[in-house]
Amino acid sequence: IFAVCTGRDKGSARGVLKGLDIDKLPGVYMNGTIVHGLGGAPLQSVTLPDKLVKEVVEWGRSNRGDASILFVDGDEHYVMDRSDE
């Protein structure tokens, strides 16, 4: 059995591991926050509580000059950086 294990999200890993059908393989993504079993079936997905996400967004708005924040939901990405209003 071969499993993909990476700190990347699945969409990013898919781009790097061209030629492998990672959607059908076991894998560990985003440093263990997303885990897929045999056949690619989801086994675990850890998400942040809504309250914490709101706190991170507010912190990001207050600290635009210091940090950019990347949110990932499956293959969807949102980067909150200095240009966001």
N, C-alpha and C. Protein backbone atom coordinates (compact mmCIF):
# COMPACT_ATOMS: atom_id res chain seq x y z
N ILE A 1 0.85 -1.18 0.00
CA ILE A 1 0.00 0.00 0.00
C ILE A 1 0.89 1.24 0.00
N PHE A 2 0.55 2.19 -0.83
CA PHE A 2 1.25 3.46 -0.93
C PHE A 2 0.32 4.55 -0.40
N ALA A 3 0.84 5.43 0.43
CA ALA A 3 0.04 6.54 0.95
C ALA A 3 0.81 7.84 0.75
N VAL A 4 0.10 8.88 0.39
CA VAL A 4 0.67 10.21 0.27
C VAL A 4 0.63 10.86 1.64
N CYS A 5 1.74 11.40 2.10
CA CYS A 5 1.79 12.11 3.37
C CYS A 5 2.52 13.43 3.14
N THR A 6 1.82 14.53 3.37
CA THR A 6 2.41 15.83 3.06
C THR A 6 1.78 16.93 3.90
N GLY A 7 2.48 18.00 4.03
CA GLY A 7 1.94 19.19 4.67
C GLY A 7 1.04 19.98 3.73
N ARG A 8 1.06 19.63 2.47
CA ARG A 8 0.26 20.34 1.46
C ARG A 8 -1.21 19.94 1.55
N ASP A 9 -2.06 20.81 1.00
CA ASP A 9 -3.46 20.41 0.84
C ASP A 9 -3.54 19.47 -0.36
N LYS A 10 -4.64 18.81 -0.51
CA LYS A 10 -4.78 17.79 -1.55
C LYS A 10 -4.65 18.37 -2.96
N GLY A 11 -5.21 19.54 -3.20
CA GLY A 11 -5.11 20.17 -4.51
C GLY A 11 -3.67 20.49 -4.88
N SER A 12 -2.91 20.98 -3.93
CA SER A 12 -1.50 21.29 -4.17
C SER A 12 -0.70 20.01 -4.39
N ALA A 13 -0.99 18.99 -3.59
CA ALA A 13 -0.30 17.70 -3.76
C ALA A 13 -0.61 17.10 -5.12
N ARG A 14 -1.84 17.24 -5.57
CA ARG A 14 -2.25 16.72 -6.88
C ARG A 14 -1.38 17.35 -7.99
N GLY A 15 -1.11 18.65 -7.87
CA GLY A 15 -0.29 19.33 -8.87
C GLY A 15 1.15 18.86 -8.86
N VAL A 16 1.68 18.52 -7.71
CA VAL A 16 3.07 18.06 -7.58
C VAL A 16 3.21 16.59 -7.97
N LEU A 17 2.22 15.80 -7.64
CA LEU A 17 2.27 14.34 -7.88
C LEU A 17 1.52 13.96 -9.15
N LYS A 18 1.78 14.69 -10.20
CA LYS A 18 1.13 14.41 -11.48
C LYS A 18 1.40 12.97 -11.89
N GLY A 19 0.39 12.33 -12.41
CA GLY A 19 0.54 10.94 -12.82
C GLY A 19 0.01 9.96 -11.79
N LEU A 20 -0.12 10.40 -10.54
CA LEU A 20 -0.72 9.55 -9.51
C LEU A 20 -2.17 9.98 -9.30
N ASP A 21 -3.05 9.03 -9.24
CA ASP A 21 -4.46 9.35 -8.97
C ASP A 21 -4.64 9.40 -7.46
N ILE A 22 -4.20 10.51 -6.85
CA ILE A 22 -4.20 10.58 -5.39
C ILE A 22 -5.60 10.58 -4.80
N ASP A 23 -6.62 10.84 -5.61
CA ASP A 23 -7.99 10.80 -5.10
C ASP A 23 -8.43 9.38 -4.74
N LYS A 24 -7.68 8.38 -5.21
CA LYS A 24 -8.02 6.98 -4.91
C LYS A 24 -7.02 6.33 -3.97
N LEU A 25 -6.06 7.12 -3.47
CA LEU A 25 -5.02 6.59 -2.59
C LEU A 25 -5.24 7.05 -1.15
N PRO A 26 -4.77 6.24 -0.19
CA PRO A 26 -4.75 6.73 1.19
C PRO A 26 -3.81 7.93 1.26
N GLY A 27 -4.09 8.84 2.16
CA GLY A 27 -3.21 9.99 2.28
C GLY A 27 -3.43 10.80 3.54
N VAL A 28 -2.39 11.52 3.90
CA VAL A 28 -2.42 12.44 5.03
C VAL A 28 -2.02 13.79 4.47
N TYR A 29 -2.88 14.79 4.64
CA TYR A 29 -2.66 16.11 4.05
C TYR A 29 -2.70 17.19 5.13
N MET A 30 -2.16 18.31 4.79
CA MET A 30 -2.15 19.48 5.67
C MET A 30 -1.69 19.11 7.08
N ASN A 31 -0.55 18.42 7.12
CA ASN A 31 0.08 18.05 8.39
C ASN A 31 -0.83 17.24 9.30
N GLY A 32 -1.67 16.40 8.70
CA GLY A 32 -2.50 15.49 9.48
C GLY A 32 -3.90 15.97 9.77
N THR A 33 -4.27 17.17 9.30
CA THR A 33 -5.63 17.65 9.58
C THR A 33 -6.66 17.01 8.67
N ILE A 34 -6.19 16.43 7.55
CA ILE A 34 -7.08 15.70 6.63
C ILE A 34 -6.46 14.34 6.37
N VAL A 35 -7.24 13.28 6.58
CA VAL A 35 -6.74 11.91 6.39
C VAL A 35 -7.74 11.14 5.54
N HIS A 36 -7.21 10.46 4.51
CA HIS A 36 -8.03 9.62 3.63
C HIS A 36 -7.53 8.18 3.74
N GLY A 37 -8.46 7.23 3.73
CA GLY A 37 -8.12 5.82 3.84
C GLY A 37 -8.04 5.15 2.48
N LEU A 38 -8.13 3.83 2.49
CA LEU A 38 -8.10 3.06 1.25
C LEU A 38 -9.18 3.54 0.30
N GLY A 39 -8.84 3.65 -0.94
CA GLY A 39 -9.79 4.12 -1.94
C GLY A 39 -10.03 5.62 -1.89
N GLY A 40 -9.31 6.32 -1.01
CA GLY A 40 -9.45 7.77 -0.91
C GLY A 40 -10.61 8.24 -0.04
N ALA A 41 -11.26 7.30 0.67
CA ALA A 41 -12.39 7.67 1.51
C ALA A 41 -11.93 8.55 2.68
N PRO A 42 -12.65 9.65 2.95
CA PRO A 42 -12.28 10.52 4.06
C PRO A 42 -12.41 9.79 5.40
N LEU A 43 -11.38 9.91 6.24
CA LEU A 43 -11.41 9.31 7.57
C LEU A 43 -11.45 10.39 8.65
N GLN A 44 -10.75 11.50 8.40
CA GLN A 44 -10.67 12.56 9.40
C GLN A 44 -10.48 13.90 8.72
N SER A 45 -11.14 14.89 9.26
CA SER A 45 -10.96 16.26 8.79
C SER A 45 -11.13 17.17 10.00
N VAL A 46 -10.10 17.92 10.32
CA VAL A 46 -10.12 18.80 11.48
C VAL A 46 -10.32 20.23 10.99
N THR A 47 -11.32 20.89 11.52
CA THR A 47 -11.58 22.28 11.15
C THR A 47 -11.52 23.16 12.40
N LEU A 48 -11.31 24.44 12.16
CA LEU A 48 -11.29 25.40 13.26
C LEU A 48 -12.72 25.82 13.61
N PRO A 49 -12.99 26.06 14.87
CA PRO A 49 -14.31 26.55 15.26
C PRO A 49 -14.55 27.94 14.64
N ASP A 50 -15.81 28.23 14.31
CA ASP A 50 -16.16 29.51 13.69
C ASP A 50 -15.65 30.70 14.50
N LYS A 51 -15.78 30.64 15.81
CA LYS A 51 -15.34 31.74 16.66
C LYS A 51 -13.85 32.02 16.47
N LEU A 52 -13.05 30.96 16.41
CA LEU A 52 -11.61 31.12 16.22
C LEU A 52 -11.30 31.70 14.84
N VAL A 53 -12.01 31.25 13.82
CA VAL A 53 -11.81 31.78 12.46
C VAL A 53 -12.09 33.28 12.45
N LYS A 54 -13.16 33.69 13.10
CA LYS A 54 -13.49 35.12 13.17
C LYS A 54 -12.40 35.89 13.88
N GLU A 55 -11.84 35.33 14.95
CA GLU A 55 -10.75 35.99 15.68
C GLU A 55 -9.51 36.11 14.79
N VAL A 56 -9.21 35.07 14.02
CA VAL A 56 -8.05 35.11 13.12
C VAL A 56 -8.26 36.17 12.04
N VAL A 57 -9.46 36.25 11.48
CA VAL A 57 -9.76 37.27 10.47
C VAL A 57 -9.58 38.67 11.05
N GLU A 58 -10.10 38.90 12.24
CA GLU A 58 -9.96 40.21 12.87
C GLU A 58 -8.49 40.52 13.14
N TRP A 59 -7.75 39.53 13.62
CA TRP A 59 -6.31 39.73 13.85
C TRP A 59 -5.62 40.07 12.53
N GLY A 60 -5.96 39.35 11.47
CA GLY A 60 -5.37 39.60 10.16
C GLY A 60 -5.65 41.01 9.67
N ARG A 61 -6.86 41.48 9.89
CA ARG A 61 -7.21 42.86 9.48
C ARG A 61 -6.40 43.89 10.27
N SER A 62 -6.14 43.59 11.52
CA SER A 62 -5.40 44.52 12.37
C SER A 62 -3.89 44.46 12.16
N ASN A 63 -3.42 43.41 11.52
CA ASN A 63 -1.98 43.19 11.38
C ASN A 63 -1.58 42.94 9.93
N ARG A 64 -2.21 43.63 9.01
CA ARG A 64 -1.95 43.42 7.57
C ARG A 64 -0.49 43.58 7.20
N GLY A 65 0.20 44.47 7.87
CA GLY A 65 1.60 44.71 7.54
C GLY A 65 2.52 43.61 8.03
N ASP A 66 2.04 42.75 8.91
CA ASP A 66 2.88 41.73 9.52
C ASP A 66 2.67 40.32 8.98
N ALA A 67 1.50 40.06 8.42
CA ALA A 67 1.20 38.67 8.05
C ALA A 67 0.18 38.57 6.94
N SER A 68 0.25 37.49 6.20
CA SER A 68 -0.78 37.08 5.26
C SER A 68 -1.35 35.77 5.78
N ILE A 69 -2.65 35.60 5.66
CA ILE A 69 -3.30 34.40 6.19
C ILE A 69 -3.89 33.61 5.04
N LEU A 70 -3.64 32.32 5.03
CA LEU A 70 -4.16 31.42 4.01
C LEU A 70 -5.21 30.51 4.66
N PHE A 71 -6.43 30.55 4.10
CA PHE A 71 -7.49 29.64 4.53
C PHE A 71 -7.66 28.58 3.45
N VAL A 72 -7.81 27.32 3.86
CA VAL A 72 -7.99 26.22 2.91
C VAL A 72 -9.22 25.42 3.32
N ASP A 73 -10.07 25.15 2.33
CA ASP A 73 -11.25 24.31 2.54
C ASP A 73 -11.31 23.35 1.37
N GLY A 74 -10.84 22.13 1.57
CA GLY A 74 -10.74 21.17 0.47
C GLY A 74 -9.74 21.67 -0.56
N ASP A 75 -10.20 21.86 -1.79
CA ASP A 75 -9.33 22.39 -2.85
C ASP A 75 -9.49 23.90 -3.02
N GLU A 76 -10.30 24.52 -2.18
CA GLU A 76 -10.53 25.96 -2.26
C GLU A 76 -9.54 26.70 -1.38
N HIS A 77 -9.03 27.83 -1.87
CA HIS A 77 -8.07 28.63 -1.13
C HIS A 77 -8.51 30.09 -1.08
N TYR A 78 -8.23 30.73 0.03
CA TYR A 78 -8.45 32.17 0.16
C TYR A 78 -7.25 32.73 0.90
N VAL A 79 -6.59 33.70 0.29
CA VAL A 79 -5.45 34.34 0.93
C VAL A 79 -5.88 35.72 1.37
N MET A 80 -5.78 35.95 2.66
CA MET A 80 -6.09 37.25 3.22
C MET A 80 -4.75 37.97 3.38
N ASP A 81 -4.52 38.95 2.53
CA ASP A 81 -3.25 39.65 2.60
C ASP A 81 -3.45 41.15 2.67
N ARG A 82 -2.39 41.89 2.48
CA ARG A 82 -2.42 43.35 2.64
C ARG A 82 -3.39 44.03 1.68
N SER A 83 -3.73 43.41 0.54
CA SER A 83 -4.58 44.07 -0.44
C SER A 83 -6.07 43.93 -0.15
N ASP A 84 -6.45 43.04 0.78
CA ASP A 84 -7.86 42.83 1.08
C ASP A 84 -8.45 44.00 1.83
N GLU A 85 -9.67 44.34 1.49
CA GLU A 85 -10.38 45.43 2.18
C GLU A 85 -11.34 44.85 3.18
